[in-house]
Amino acid sequence: MTTLDLPVTSAAEPRARFRDLVASEWLKLWSLRSTGWSLLLGALAVVAFNFGTAWDHYRYWLQYDAASRADFVANDMALWDAFTYNAALVLILASAAMGAVAVVGEYGSGLIRTTFTAVPARGTLMAAKVLVVAVVQAAFGAVVAGASFWSTQAMLSARDIGLPITHPGAARIVVASALLAPVCAVAGAALGALLRKSAISVVGAVILLLLVPAVLSDRRHLTAVLGHATPLHAWQRLADAGPPAEELFPWSAGGAWLVYALWALGGAAVTVLAVRGRDQ
C-alpha cells in the first residue's frame, strides 16, 4: 500500500475554550472607543450629582436652623448624599445602555455572522459576553460608589457632619450602589439580545428600569410588590437613610438583595437563550 492509498482523515477543529471566549469578548469591548468614553462620562455624571448635593448642604449648613441641623445629624442624613436618587437613575441608564450596546453592536455591524460561524456554540459565546460586561460594570460601579462616598463625606466633614464607611449602614449603601451597575448592565444585555436594535433596546431599558418603577405606587399591595421586584426599588430599600419613612407594605433588605440576584441571573439566562435557535 502506497502513501496515496492511505485514507485521508481530517482533524476536527478544537472547540473554543470558555476562557478564550472571555478574552475575545474583552478585546471586542475595549476595542470600541465608546466604551472608555461612556464609562468616563458616566462616572463623572454620577459623582457630580452626589457631590453637588453634598456641596449644597455644606454651603447652606450655617443657614439652617438649629432644629434642622440636629435632625440632619441625628438621622444620619449625610448618608443620603453618599449616593443620591438622581445619581442612581443616571447609573441605571448608563449601565443598561452599555450592556445593550455590547450585544447589539455586533448585530448592527454584521460581525455577529462571522462570530457565530467561528463559534457555533452561541450560548457559551453569549455567556462569555455577559461575564465580561458584568465584570466591567462591577468595577465601574465600585469606582463611582466609592468615589461618591469619599468625596461627599469629605465635603461634609468640613462641617463636622460627615460619616465614616464604618458607620452603620454606610457600607451597605456603597455596596448596593456599586452592584446596581452590573445588575442593570446584564438586564440591558438581555434586552439587546431580544430586540437587536440599539435605539429600541435603550428605550426598552428606560421603560423597564426607570419608567415602570416610577409608576408603581406603594399605596396598593399589588403595585408595591411589583415595585419591590425592580432593581431601582431594591436599591432604594438597601440605600435607605435618613428619618424612617412610613411604609404600608414594608419589606426586608434580604428581599432587596434577592431581587438583585434574580435580575442578574434572569438577565444572563435570557441573553444566553435568546440567541439559540434564531437566525443571525
Protein backbone atom coordinates (compact mmCIF):
# COMPACT_ATOMS: atom_id res chain seq x y z
CA MET A 1 0.00 0.00 0.00
CA THR A 2 1.41 3.33 -1.02
CA THR A 3 1.04 6.61 0.77
CA LEU A 4 -1.59 7.68 -1.76
CA ASP A 5 -3.73 4.67 -0.81
CA LEU A 6 -3.93 5.64 2.84
CA PRO A 7 -7.32 7.00 3.98
CA VAL A 8 -7.42 10.72 4.45
CA THR A 9 -8.56 11.86 7.89
CA SER A 10 -9.43 15.43 8.79
CA ALA A 11 -8.60 16.64 12.24
CA ALA A 12 -11.59 18.13 13.98
CA GLU A 13 -11.18 21.77 14.83
CA PRO A 14 -10.67 22.14 18.57
CA ARG A 15 -13.61 23.61 20.44
CA ALA A 16 -13.08 27.11 21.77
CA ARG A 17 -12.37 27.21 25.46
CA PHE A 18 -14.52 29.46 27.61
CA ARG A 19 -11.55 31.47 28.84
CA ASP A 20 -10.57 32.11 25.22
CA LEU A 21 -14.08 33.38 24.51
CA VAL A 22 -13.89 35.64 27.56
CA ALA A 23 -10.56 37.03 26.34
CA SER A 24 -12.04 37.62 22.89
CA GLU A 25 -15.08 39.43 24.26
CA TRP A 26 -12.83 41.51 26.50
CA LEU A 27 -10.84 42.67 23.46
CA LYS A 28 -14.03 43.37 21.50
CA LEU A 29 -15.46 45.53 24.26
CA TRP A 30 -12.32 47.62 24.75
CA SER A 31 -11.70 47.96 21.02
CA LEU A 32 -14.75 50.24 20.89
CA ARG A 33 -13.88 53.88 21.52
CA SER A 34 -17.30 54.39 23.04
CA THR A 35 -16.52 52.00 25.91
CA GLY A 36 -13.91 54.16 27.61
CA TRP A 37 -15.71 57.42 26.96
CA SER A 38 -19.08 56.13 28.16
CA LEU A 39 -17.55 54.81 31.37
CA LEU A 40 -15.66 58.06 31.99
CA LEU A 41 -18.61 60.34 31.28
CA GLY A 42 -20.98 58.12 33.23
CA ALA A 43 -18.67 58.13 36.24
CA LEU A 44 -18.25 61.90 36.14
CA ALA A 45 -22.02 62.43 35.89
CA VAL A 46 -22.82 60.12 38.79
CA VAL A 47 -20.14 61.52 41.09
CA ALA A 48 -21.11 65.08 40.13
CA PHE A 49 -24.75 64.52 41.12
CA ASN A 50 -23.72 63.22 44.52
CA PHE A 51 -21.01 65.81 45.12
CA GLY A 52 -23.37 68.60 44.12
CA THR A 53 -25.91 67.56 46.73
CA ALA A 54 -23.23 67.41 49.43
CA TRP A 55 -21.91 70.80 48.34
CA ASP A 56 -25.38 72.27 48.69
CA HIS A 57 -25.63 71.02 52.28
CA TYR A 58 -22.11 72.23 53.03
CA ARG A 59 -22.73 75.67 51.55
CA TYR A 60 -26.01 76.38 53.29
CA TRP A 61 -25.34 74.50 56.53
CA LEU A 62 -24.96 77.59 58.65
CA GLN A 63 -28.23 78.98 57.28
CA TYR A 64 -30.26 76.03 58.59
CA ASP A 65 -31.94 76.47 61.94
CA ALA A 66 -30.70 74.53 64.95
CA ALA A 67 -33.55 72.01 64.80
CA SER A 68 -32.86 71.17 61.15
CA ARG A 69 -29.16 70.68 61.80
CA ALA A 70 -29.92 68.45 64.79
CA ASP A 71 -32.29 66.32 62.70
CA PHE A 72 -29.70 66.02 59.92
CA VAL A 73 -27.13 64.63 62.33
CA ALA A 74 -29.49 62.50 64.43
CA ASN A 75 -30.97 60.75 61.37
CA ASP A 76 -27.63 60.14 59.61
CA MET A 77 -28.85 62.14 56.64
CA ALA A 78 -25.27 62.60 55.45
CA LEU A 79 -25.67 59.10 54.01
CA TRP A 80 -28.32 60.46 51.64
CA ASP A 81 -25.58 62.47 49.98
CA ALA A 82 -23.34 59.41 49.62
CA PHE A 83 -25.42 58.20 46.68
CA THR A 84 -28.49 60.16 45.65
CA TYR A 85 -31.63 59.05 43.83
CA ASN A 86 -30.76 61.13 40.76
CA ALA A 87 -27.30 59.60 40.63
CA ALA A 88 -28.87 56.14 40.77
CA LEU A 89 -31.07 56.99 37.77
CA VAL A 90 -28.01 58.09 35.77
CA LEU A 91 -26.13 54.95 36.79
CA ILE A 92 -29.00 52.70 35.74
CA LEU A 93 -29.32 54.34 32.34
CA ALA A 94 -25.57 54.37 31.63
CA SER A 95 -25.06 50.74 32.68
CA ALA A 96 -28.12 49.37 30.90
CA ALA A 97 -27.19 51.22 27.70
CA MET A 98 -23.66 49.82 27.75
CA GLY A 99 -24.96 46.30 28.33
CA ALA A 100 -27.37 46.61 25.41
CA VAL A 101 -24.80 48.09 23.04
CA ALA A 102 -22.29 45.36 23.91
CA VAL A 103 -24.73 42.84 22.44
CA VAL A 104 -26.44 44.88 19.72
CA GLY A 105 -23.23 46.35 18.32
CA GLU A 106 -22.29 43.13 16.57
CA TYR A 107 -25.73 42.82 15.02
CA GLY A 108 -25.59 46.35 13.66
CA SER A 109 -22.18 45.86 12.04
CA GLY A 110 -22.95 42.35 10.77
CA LEU A 111 -19.98 40.95 12.68
CA ILE A 112 -22.33 38.60 14.53
CA ARG A 113 -22.49 36.31 11.46
CA THR A 114 -18.73 35.89 11.45
CA THR A 115 -18.72 35.41 15.22
CA PHE A 116 -21.37 32.67 15.17
CA THR A 117 -19.63 30.96 12.23
CA ALA A 118 -16.36 30.87 14.12
CA VAL A 119 -18.05 29.84 17.39
CA PRO A 120 -21.17 27.74 16.74
CA ALA A 121 -21.76 27.40 20.49
CA ARG A 122 -23.83 30.58 20.66
CA GLY A 123 -24.95 30.16 24.23
CA THR A 124 -21.40 29.79 25.50
CA LEU A 125 -20.31 32.80 23.50
CA MET A 126 -23.08 34.98 24.92
CA ALA A 127 -22.30 33.74 28.43
CA ALA A 128 -18.73 34.98 27.95
CA LYS A 129 -20.04 38.34 26.73
CA VAL A 130 -22.34 38.67 29.75
CA LEU A 131 -19.49 37.82 32.11
CA VAL A 132 -17.22 40.48 30.59
CA VAL A 133 -19.95 43.13 30.71
CA ALA A 134 -20.79 42.25 34.32
CA VAL A 135 -17.15 42.39 35.44
CA VAL A 136 -16.51 45.74 33.74
CA GLN A 137 -19.70 47.22 35.17
CA ALA A 138 -18.97 45.86 38.64
CA ALA A 139 -15.62 47.66 38.55
CA PHE A 140 -17.34 50.79 37.22
CA GLY A 141 -19.94 50.64 39.99
CA ALA A 142 -17.29 50.13 42.66
CA VAL A 143 -15.33 53.15 41.44
CA VAL A 144 -18.29 55.55 41.25
CA ALA A 145 -19.83 54.36 44.52
CA GLY A 146 -16.52 54.58 46.36
CA ALA A 147 -15.63 57.95 44.85
CA SER A 148 -19.08 59.31 45.63
CA PHE A 149 -18.93 58.23 49.24
CA TRP A 150 -15.40 59.52 49.79
CA SER A 151 -15.97 62.90 48.10
CA THR A 152 -19.34 63.63 49.71
CA GLN A 153 -18.33 62.66 53.22
CA ALA A 154 -15.05 64.57 52.88
CA MET A 155 -17.03 67.64 51.91
CA LEU A 156 -19.46 67.24 54.81
CA SER A 157 -16.63 66.54 57.23
CA ALA A 158 -15.57 70.15 56.76
CA ARG A 159 -18.75 70.92 58.72
CA ASP A 160 -18.14 68.02 61.12
CA ILE A 161 -21.18 66.14 59.80
CA GLY A 162 -19.51 63.61 57.50
CA LEU A 163 -19.68 59.90 58.34
CA PRO A 164 -17.05 57.15 58.00
CA ILE A 165 -17.52 53.97 55.99
CA THR A 166 -17.68 52.07 59.28
CA HIS A 167 -20.84 53.92 60.29
CA PRO A 168 -23.89 51.59 60.43
CA GLY A 169 -25.49 51.39 57.01
CA ALA A 170 -22.70 53.21 55.15
CA ALA A 171 -21.04 50.13 53.68
CA ARG A 172 -24.40 48.75 52.57
CA ILE A 173 -25.15 51.93 50.61
CA VAL A 174 -21.79 51.74 48.84
CA VAL A 175 -22.12 48.03 48.00
CA ALA A 176 -25.75 48.33 46.88
CA SER A 177 -24.91 51.29 44.66
CA ALA A 178 -21.89 49.53 43.19
CA LEU A 179 -23.81 46.32 42.38
CA LEU A 180 -26.65 48.26 40.80
CA ALA A 181 -24.40 48.82 37.77
CA PRO A 182 -23.75 45.16 36.77
CA VAL A 183 -27.35 44.18 37.53
CA CYS A 184 -28.70 46.81 35.14
CA ALA A 185 -25.98 46.13 32.57
CA VAL A 186 -26.98 42.45 32.39
CA ALA A 187 -30.63 43.49 32.09
CA GLY A 188 -29.63 45.77 29.21
CA ALA A 189 -27.74 42.92 27.55
CA ALA A 190 -30.87 40.77 27.77
CA LEU A 191 -32.92 43.48 26.07
CA GLY A 192 -30.25 43.82 23.39
CA ALA A 193 -30.31 40.08 22.71
CA LEU A 194 -34.10 40.14 22.40
CA LEU A 195 -34.60 43.38 20.45
CA ARG A 196 -31.33 43.56 18.45
CA LYS A 197 -31.66 47.28 17.74
CA SER A 198 -29.60 49.86 19.64
CA ALA A 199 -32.20 52.61 19.89
CA ILE A 200 -35.07 50.24 20.69
CA SER A 201 -33.00 48.41 23.30
CA VAL A 202 -32.01 51.63 25.08
CA VAL A 203 -35.62 52.85 25.02
CA GLY A 204 -36.70 49.47 26.35
CA ALA A 205 -34.18 49.79 29.19
CA VAL A 206 -35.52 53.22 30.08
CA ILE A 207 -39.09 51.91 30.16
CA LEU A 208 -38.31 48.71 32.06
CA LEU A 209 -35.77 50.01 34.57
CA LEU A 210 -36.85 53.63 35.07
CA LEU A 211 -40.41 54.39 33.95
CA VAL A 212 -42.10 51.22 35.19
CA PRO A 213 -40.67 51.51 38.75
CA ALA A 214 -41.66 55.20 38.78
CA VAL A 215 -45.35 54.47 38.12
CA LEU A 216 -45.64 51.54 40.51
CA SER A 217 -47.17 53.06 43.60
CA ASP A 218 -46.52 51.72 47.08
CA ARG A 219 -50.07 52.59 48.14
CA ARG A 220 -51.54 49.30 46.87
CA HIS A 221 -50.32 45.82 47.70
CA LEU A 222 -50.01 44.55 44.12
CA THR A 223 -48.18 47.58 42.76
CA ALA A 224 -46.00 47.71 45.87
CA VAL A 225 -44.95 44.08 45.37
CA LEU A 226 -44.26 44.67 41.67
CA GLY A 227 -42.28 47.77 42.55
CA HIS A 228 -40.25 45.86 45.10
CA ALA A 229 -39.28 43.44 42.31
CA THR A 230 -37.45 46.15 40.32
CA PRO A 231 -33.75 47.00 40.72
CA LEU A 232 -34.49 50.68 41.39
CA HIS A 233 -36.83 49.94 44.31
CA ALA A 234 -34.40 47.31 45.60
CA TRP A 235 -31.62 49.90 45.58
CA GLN A 236 -33.88 52.37 47.43
CA ARG A 237 -34.53 49.77 50.10
CA LEU A 238 -30.83 48.99 50.54
CA ALA A 239 -29.72 52.63 50.41
CA ASP A 240 -32.38 53.74 52.86
CA ALA A 241 -31.05 56.51 55.07
CA GLY A 242 -32.39 59.44 56.98
CA PRO A 243 -35.54 59.52 59.08
CA PRO A 244 -37.62 56.32 58.88
CA ALA A 245 -40.41 56.59 56.31
CA GLU A 246 -43.86 55.16 56.80
CA GLU A 247 -44.35 52.09 54.62
CA LEU A 248 -47.72 50.46 54.05
CA PHE A 249 -46.07 47.29 52.77
CA PRO A 250 -42.55 47.10 54.25
CA TRP A 251 -40.01 44.57 53.05
CA SER A 252 -36.60 43.39 54.13
CA ALA A 253 -33.10 44.15 52.96
CA GLY A 254 -32.68 40.44 52.30
CA GLY A 255 -35.55 40.62 49.83
CA ALA A 256 -33.85 43.52 48.06
CA TRP A 257 -30.60 41.57 47.72
CA LEU A 258 -32.61 38.68 46.31
CA VAL A 259 -34.10 40.99 43.68
CA TYR A 260 -30.58 41.96 42.64
CA ALA A 261 -29.59 38.31 42.31
CA LEU A 262 -32.70 37.29 40.36
CA TRP A 263 -32.37 40.16 37.88
CA ALA A 264 -28.71 39.31 37.27
CA LEU A 265 -29.34 35.59 36.83
CA GLY A 266 -32.51 36.13 34.82
CA GLY A 267 -30.86 38.66 32.52
CA ALA A 268 -27.92 36.34 31.91
CA ALA A 269 -30.27 33.42 31.15
CA VAL A 270 -32.33 35.49 28.71
CA THR A 271 -29.20 36.72 26.92
CA VAL A 272 -27.87 33.20 26.50
CA LEU A 273 -31.17 31.59 25.48
CA ALA A 274 -32.24 34.39 23.11
CA VAL A 275 -29.56 33.52 20.53
CA ARG A 276 -30.32 29.81 20.43
CA GLY A 277 -32.39 28.61 17.51
CA ARG A 278 -32.67 32.08 15.96
CA ASP A 279 -31.21 33.34 12.71
CA GLN A 280 -28.46 35.88 12.84
